[in-house]
Amino acid sequence: MKKNIRLILLLELLLFIVVFLVLVTNITPRGLHNISNFIDIPSFLIIMLILIPGLIIMGEWKDFIKSFSVGIKDFNLLELKNIILAVDAAQKLTIYAALFSIISSAIIILIKLSTNSQLIGPNLAVCFLSGFYAIIIEFLLLPLRLNAERKMNEEMDFEDESI
């Protein structure tokens, strides 16, 4: 049975959005008006500007793109192993990029703490958005890795049976 990883990712993203909307609308008194508090383009860009060039520099970009086709196209064992390594690299780069962004933002907040201490709460909230974005990206990368590992195990079982 071939599983369409793109459909799985879409359904997983939809699940995440529904759970997020339920939490935001039920916990906060302003409801959907607070969604804008979860949007910070610079934090997201920092993660992407470390993730994508990092994969390209390491030579993993093509294998990472192939991870979206596992289960749709056929890959040999070596290709599947390379895909798993590329997704693993993407996971690590995402975490390191988020940590870099959080620590950089925290340093800037601490430097400016003496000028206006009333803004520490909103500034810290923006600081932690990088971690939030990293969790979302990891949430989407995990099925890519699991799908490639499952496919590799199936290929290894198939080769064992044919011997």
Foldseek 3Di string as FASTA:
>chain_A
DFDQLVVVLVVLVVVVVVVVLVCQQPVDPVRPVCPVLLDDVVLVVLLVVQLPVVCVVVVLNVLCVCLNCQSPDDDALVSLVSNLVSLVSSLVSLVVSLVVQLVVLVVVCVVCCVVDVVCSVSSNSVSCSSVVVSVVVVSSSVVSNVSSVVSSVVNVVVVVVVD
